[in-house]
C-alpha atoms as a PDB file:
ATOM      1  CA  UNK A   1       0.000  -0.002   0.000  1.00  0.00           C
ATOM      2  CA  UNK A   2       1.011   3.604  -0.300  1.00  0.00           C
ATOM      3  CA  UNK A   3       1.851   4.012   3.383  1.00  0.00           C
ATOM      4  CA  UNK A   4       3.515   0.596   3.706  1.00  0.00           C
ATOM      5  CA  UNK A   5       1.016  -0.750   6.256  1.00  0.00           C
ATOM      6  CA  UNK A   6      -0.181  -3.472   3.871  1.00  0.00           C
ATOM      7  CA  UNK A   7       2.076  -5.692   1.761  1.00  0.00           C
ATOM      8  CA  UNK A   8       1.404  -8.461  -0.756  1.00  0.00           C
ATOM      9  CA  UNK A   9       3.743 -11.416  -1.085  1.00  0.00           C
ATOM     10  CA  UNK A  10       3.785 -13.957  -3.893  1.00  0.00           C
ATOM     11  CA  UNK A  11       4.976 -17.528  -3.394  1.00  0.00           C
ATOM     12  CA  UNK A  12       4.813 -18.939  -6.927  1.00  0.00           C
ATOM     13  CA  UNK A  13       6.198 -22.369  -6.016  1.00  0.00           C
ATOM     14  CA  UNK A  14       3.664 -22.995  -3.217  1.00  0.00           C
ATOM     15  CA  UNK A  15       1.922 -26.375  -3.573  1.00  0.00           C
ATOM     16  CA  UNK A  16      -1.337 -25.791  -1.640  1.00  0.00           C
ATOM     17  CA  UNK A  17      -3.417 -25.714  -4.851  1.00  0.00           C
ATOM     18  CA  UNK A  18      -1.324 -28.366  -6.599  1.00  0.00           C
ATOM     19  CA  UNK A  19       2.373 -28.633  -7.424  1.00  0.00           C
ATOM     20  CA  UNK A  20       3.776 -25.158  -8.194  1.00  0.00           C
ATOM     21  CA  UNK A  21       0.295 -23.611  -8.282  1.00  0.00           C
ATOM     22  CA  UNK A  22       1.514 -20.745  -6.110  1.00  0.00           C
ATOM     23  CA  UNK A  23      -0.377 -18.410  -3.826  1.00  0.00           C
ATOM     24  CA  UNK A  24      -0.350 -14.840  -2.574  1.00  0.00           C
ATOM     25  CA  UNK A  25      -0.686 -13.495   0.942  1.00  0.00           C
ATOM     26  CA  UNK A  26      -1.554 -10.014   2.131  1.00  0.00           C
ATOM     27  CA  UNK A  27      -0.233  -8.808   5.477  1.00  0.00           C
ATOM     28  CA  UNK A  28      -1.164  -5.744   7.507  1.00  0.00           C
ATOM     29  CA  UNK A  29       1.011  -4.094  10.114  1.00  0.00           C
ATOM     30  CA  UNK A  30      -0.596  -3.758  13.546  1.00  0.00           C
ATOM     31  CA  UNK A  31       1.094  -0.920  15.396  1.00  0.00           C
ATOM     32  CA  UNK A  32      -0.227  -1.854  18.849  1.00  0.00           C
ATOM     33  CA  UNK A  33       1.272  -5.344  18.527  1.00  0.00           C
ATOM     34  CA  UNK A  34       4.237  -4.259  16.421  1.00  0.00           C
ATOM     35  CA  UNK A  35       3.753  -7.225  14.106  1.00  0.00           C
ATOM     36  CA  UNK A  36       2.547  -8.213  10.660  1.00  0.00           C
ATOM     37  CA  UNK A  37      -0.796 -10.064  10.576  1.00  0.00           C
ATOM     38  CA  UNK A  38      -2.133 -12.145   7.687  1.00  0.00           C
ATOM     39  CA  UNK A  39      -5.193 -10.365   6.275  1.00  0.00           C
ATOM     40  CA  UNK A  40      -7.618 -13.143   5.380  1.00  0.00           C
ATOM     41  CA  UNK A  41      -6.523 -16.481   4.007  1.00  0.00           C
ATOM     42  CA  UNK A  42      -3.826 -16.980   1.366  1.00  0.00           C
ATOM     43  CA  UNK A  43      -5.244 -16.713  -2.162  1.00  0.00           C
ATOM     44  CA  UNK A  44      -4.311 -19.952  -3.954  1.00  0.00           C
ATOM     45  CA  UNK A  45      -3.400 -20.582  -7.562  1.00  0.00           C
ATOM     46  CA  UNK A  46      -6.100 -22.129  -9.717  1.00  0.00           C
ATOM     47  CA  UNK A  47      -4.122 -24.972 -11.312  1.00  0.00           C
ATOM     48  CA  UNK A  48      -0.918 -26.946 -10.773  1.00  0.00           C
ATOM     49  CA  UNK A  49       2.135 -25.420 -12.388  1.00  0.00           C
ATOM     50  CA  UNK A  50       0.674 -21.962 -13.075  1.00  0.00           C
ATOM     51  CA  UNK A  51       3.105 -20.103 -10.750  1.00  0.00           C
ATOM     52  CA  UNK A  52       0.446 -17.752  -9.357  1.00  0.00           C
ATOM     53  CA  UNK A  53       2.186 -14.984  -7.446  1.00  0.00           C
ATOM     54  CA  UNK A  54       5.156 -14.604  -9.801  1.00  0.00           C
ATOM     55  CA  UNK A  55       4.200 -10.934  -9.899  1.00  0.00           C
ATOM     56  CA  UNK A  56       2.048  -9.017  -7.407  1.00  0.00           C
ATOM     57  CA  UNK A  57       0.902  -5.417  -7.144  1.00  0.00           C
ATOM     58  CA  UNK A  58      -1.178  -3.633  -4.532  1.00  0.00           C
ATOM     59  CA  UNK A  59      -3.290  -0.481  -4.922  1.00  0.00           C
ATOM     60  CA  UNK A  60      -2.237   2.553  -2.894  1.00  0.00           C
ATOM     61  CA  UNK A  61      -4.955   2.067  -0.274  1.00  0.00           C
ATOM     62  CA  UNK A  62      -4.233  -1.686  -0.116  1.00  0.00           C
ATOM     63  CA  UNK A  63      -7.804  -2.750  -0.948  1.00  0.00           C
ATOM     64  CA  UNK A  64      -6.979  -4.277  -4.341  1.00  0.00           C
ATOM     65  CA  UNK A  65      -4.273  -6.742  -5.243  1.00  0.00           C
ATOM     66  CA  UNK A  66      -3.346  -8.215  -8.604  1.00  0.00           C
ATOM     67  CA  UNK A  67      -1.249 -11.301  -9.202  1.00  0.00           C
ATOM     68  CA  UNK A  68       0.205 -12.953 -12.268  1.00  0.00           C
ATOM     69  CA  UNK A  69       0.338 -16.638 -13.144  1.00  0.00           C
ATOM     70  CA  UNK A  70       2.527 -16.688 -16.282  1.00  0.00           C
ATOM     71  CA  UNK A  71       2.534 -20.490 -16.576  1.00  0.00           C
ATOM     72  CA  UNK A  72      -1.287 -20.813 -16.546  1.00  0.00           C
ATOM     73  CA  UNK A  73      -2.408 -22.981 -19.489  1.00  0.00           C
ATOM     74  CA  UNK A  74      -6.058 -21.919 -19.863  1.00  0.00           C
ATOM     75  CA  UNK A  75      -5.494 -20.607 -23.431  1.00  0.00           C
ATOM     76  CA  UNK A  76      -2.647 -22.906 -24.408  1.00  0.00           C
ATOM     77  CA  UNK A  77       0.766 -23.699 -23.001  1.00  0.00           C
ATOM     78  CA  UNK A  78       2.142 -20.864 -20.821  1.00  0.00           C
ATOM     79  CA  UNK A  79      -0.544 -18.443 -21.992  1.00  0.00           C
ATOM     80  CA  UNK A  80      -0.566 -16.888 -18.543  1.00  0.00           C
ATOM     81  CA  UNK A  81      -3.277 -15.246 -16.504  1.00  0.00           C
ATOM     82  CA  UNK A  82      -3.783 -12.289 -14.159  1.00  0.00           C
ATOM     83  CA  UNK A  83      -6.406 -12.077 -11.432  1.00  0.00           C
ATOM     84  CA  UNK A  84      -7.433  -9.021  -9.443  1.00  0.00           C
ATOM     85  CA  UNK A  85      -8.963  -9.200  -5.959  1.00  0.00           C
ATOM     86  CA  UNK A  86     -10.663  -6.679  -3.712  1.00  0.00           C
ATOM     87  CA  UNK A  87     -10.753  -6.633   0.073  1.00  0.00           C
ATOM     88  CA  UNK A  88     -14.249  -6.974   1.527  1.00  0.00           C
ATOM     89  CA  UNK A  89     -15.084  -7.047   5.229  1.00  0.00           C
ATOM     90  CA  UNK A  90     -18.809  -7.524   4.574  1.00  0.00           C
ATOM     91  CA  UNK A  91     -18.570 -11.059   3.203  1.00  0.00           C
ATOM     92  CA  UNK A  92     -17.224 -14.362   4.438  1.00  0.00           C
ATOM     93  CA  UNK A  93     -14.713 -14.318   1.573  1.00  0.00           C
ATOM     94  CA  UNK A  94     -12.375 -11.478   2.500  1.00  0.00           C
ATOM     95  CA  UNK A  95     -10.581 -11.246  -0.876  1.00  0.00           C
ATOM     96  CA  UNK A  96     -13.072 -11.519  -3.751  1.00  0.00           C
ATOM     97  CA  UNK A  97     -12.171 -11.542  -7.433  1.00  0.00           C
ATOM     98  CA  UNK A  98     -12.945  -8.393  -9.418  1.00  0.00           C
ATOM     99  CA  UNK A  99     -14.501  -9.325 -12.745  1.00  0.00           C
ATOM    100  CA  UNK A 100     -13.034 -12.211 -14.694  1.00  0.00           C
ATOM    101  CA  UNK A 101      -9.426 -13.285 -14.937  1.00  0.00           C
ATOM    102  CA  UNK A 102      -7.406 -11.774 -17.788  1.00  0.00           C
ATOM    103  CA  UNK A 103      -5.840 -14.519 -19.913  1.00  0.00           C
ATOM    104  CA  UNK A 104      -3.061 -14.434 -22.498  1.00  0.00           C
ATOM    105  CA  UNK A 105      -2.340 -16.421 -25.634  1.00  0.00           C
ATOM    106  CA  UNK A 106      -0.178 -19.533 -25.913  1.00  0.00           C
ATOM    107  CA  UNK A 107       3.464 -19.123 -24.885  1.00  0.00           C
ATOM    108  CA  UNK A 108       3.353 -15.373 -24.159  1.00  0.00           C
ATOM    109  CA  UNK A 109       3.436 -15.795 -20.341  1.00  0.00           C
ATOM    110  CA  UNK A 110       0.941 -13.047 -19.538  1.00  0.00           C
ATOM    111  CA  UNK A 111       1.401 -11.879 -15.963  1.00  0.00           C
ATOM    112  CA  UNK A 112       5.178 -12.122 -15.892  1.00  0.00           C
ATOM    113  CA  UNK A 113       5.032  -8.512 -14.674  1.00  0.00           C
ATOM    114  CA  UNK A 114       2.161  -6.317 -13.458  1.00  0.00           C
ATOM    115  CA  UNK A 115       1.548  -2.875 -12.045  1.00  0.00           C
ATOM    116  CA  UNK A 116      -1.738  -1.803 -10.474  1.00  0.00           C
ATOM    117  CA  UNK A 117      -2.674   1.882 -10.440  1.00  0.00           C
ATOM    118  CA  UNK A 118      -3.163   3.974  -7.329  1.00  0.00           C
ATOM    119  CA  UNK A 119      -6.936   3.384  -7.240  1.00  0.00           C
ATOM    120  CA  UNK A 120      -6.677  -0.251  -8.420  1.00  0.00           C
ATOM    121  CA  UNK A 121      -8.798   0.301 -11.536  1.00  0.00           C
ATOM    122  CA  UNK A 122      -6.042   0.390 -14.151  1.00  0.00           C
ATOM    123  CA  UNK A 123      -3.577  -2.439 -14.642  1.00  0.00           C
ATOM    124  CA  UNK A 124      -0.463  -2.756 -16.796  1.00  0.00           C
ATOM    125  CA  UNK A 125       0.308  -6.400 -17.614  1.00  0.00           C
ATOM    126  CA  UNK A 126       3.507  -7.723 -19.145  1.00  0.00           C
ATOM    127  CA  UNK A 127       3.733 -10.775 -21.374  1.00  0.00           C
ATOM    128  CA  UNK A 128       7.465 -11.324 -21.425  1.00  0.00           C
ATOM    129  CA  UNK A 129       7.600 -13.923 -24.173  1.00  0.00           C
ATOM    130  CA  UNK A 130       5.009 -12.531 -26.591  1.00  0.00           C
ATOM    131  CA  UNK A 131       5.993 -13.270 -30.206  1.00  0.00           C
ATOM    132  CA  UNK A 132       4.850 -11.079 -33.117  1.00  0.00           C
ATOM    133  CA  UNK A 133       6.223 -13.131 -36.024  1.00  0.00           C
ATOM    134  CA  UNK A 134       8.982 -15.566 -36.941  1.00  0.00           C
ATOM    135  CA  UNK A 135      11.364 -12.605 -37.186  1.00  0.00           C
ATOM    136  CA  UNK A 136      10.141 -10.981 -33.953  1.00  0.00           C
ATOM    137  CA  UNK A 137      10.423 -13.827 -31.454  1.00  0.00           C
ATOM    138  CA  UNK A 138       9.753 -13.179 -27.761  1.00  0.00           C
ATOM    139  CA  UNK A 139       9.841  -9.390 -28.044  1.00  0.00           C
ATOM    140  CA  UNK A 140       7.407  -9.096 -25.150  1.00  0.00           C
ATOM    141  CA  UNK A 141       4.181  -7.127 -24.904  1.00  0.00           C
ATOM    142  CA  UNK A 142       2.505  -4.772 -22.480  1.00  0.00           C
ATOM    143  CA  UNK A 143      -1.273  -4.543 -22.200  1.00  0.00           C
ATOM    144  CA  UNK A 144      -3.133  -1.900 -20.206  1.00  0.00           C
ATOM    145  CA  UNK A 145      -6.585  -2.686 -18.813  1.00  0.00           C
ATOM    146  CA  UNK A 146      -9.158  -0.559 -17.062  1.00  0.00           C
ATOM    147  CA  UNK A 147     -11.974  -1.868 -14.878  1.00  0.00           C
ATOM    148  CA  UNK A 148     -15.439  -0.441 -15.411  1.00  0.00           C
ATOM    149  CA  UNK A 149     -18.394  -1.925 -13.530  1.00  0.00           C
ATOM    150  CA  UNK A 150     -16.533  -5.162 -12.799  1.00  0.00           C
ATOM    151  CA  UNK A 151     -15.297  -5.737 -16.367  1.00  0.00           C
ATOM    152  CA  UNK A 152     -11.652  -5.366 -17.434  1.00  0.00           C
ATOM    153  CA  UNK A 153     -11.288  -3.632 -20.818  1.00  0.00           C
ATOM    154  CA  UNK A 154      -8.109  -3.402 -22.875  1.00  0.00           C
ATOM    155  CA  UNK A 155      -7.414   0.290 -23.426  1.00  0.00           C
ATOM    156  CA  UNK A 156      -5.309   1.636 -26.256  1.00  0.00           C
ATOM    157  CA  UNK A 157      -2.972  -0.484 -28.311  1.00  0.00           C
ATOM    158  CA  UNK A 158      -0.517  -3.126 -27.169  1.00  0.00           C
ATOM    159  CA  UNK A 159       3.063  -1.988 -26.635  1.00  0.00           C
ATOM    160  CA  UNK A 160       5.722  -4.330 -28.025  1.00  0.00           C
ATOM    161  CA  UNK A 161       9.420  -4.700 -27.415  1.00  0.00           C
ATOM    162  CA  UNK A 162      11.805  -3.929 -30.260  1.00  0.00           C
ATOM    163  CA  UNK A 163      14.219  -6.861 -30.421  1.00  0.00           C
ATOM    164  CA  UNK A 164      13.768 -10.622 -30.341  1.00  0.00           C
ATOM    165  CA  UNK A 165      14.379 -12.183 -26.947  1.00  0.00           C
ATOM    166  CA  UNK A 166      14.513  -8.784 -25.225  1.00  0.00           C
ATOM    167  CA  UNK A 167      12.124  -9.915 -22.532  1.00  0.00           C
END
């Protein structure tokens, strides 16, 4: 978070959701106890081998967290996926998903890097191994999404690297 009282930690090799599924944890600093306390339960990866938590980003107020799973295979091998969660004290599930997961295309490893905006409604997502053509192999790509009414929309054009294997 912006003031450092809330931190998000990714453990992409965690096995709780299956081998190397990964998980993320959010901690909050309690001044009276002078210790870090787990805020809710760990958020697990959705499938074995997806490496959820490779990248994490927290909004400034610490109420939204995004995490990348670049080895997720939902759209083909290592297509990657990013999921965004919001803190809710009114429900039994403390961290609830915001909209649907954002998924990449085969072998681009979407979610290898992420950056969530101050208010948690805009998200920059890196796909480190995105390939444009046989002469532009693994140049990487950056996608920017904005959330409106629970739906994540791609805004603007994709931004690509300039040289093969520059990821």
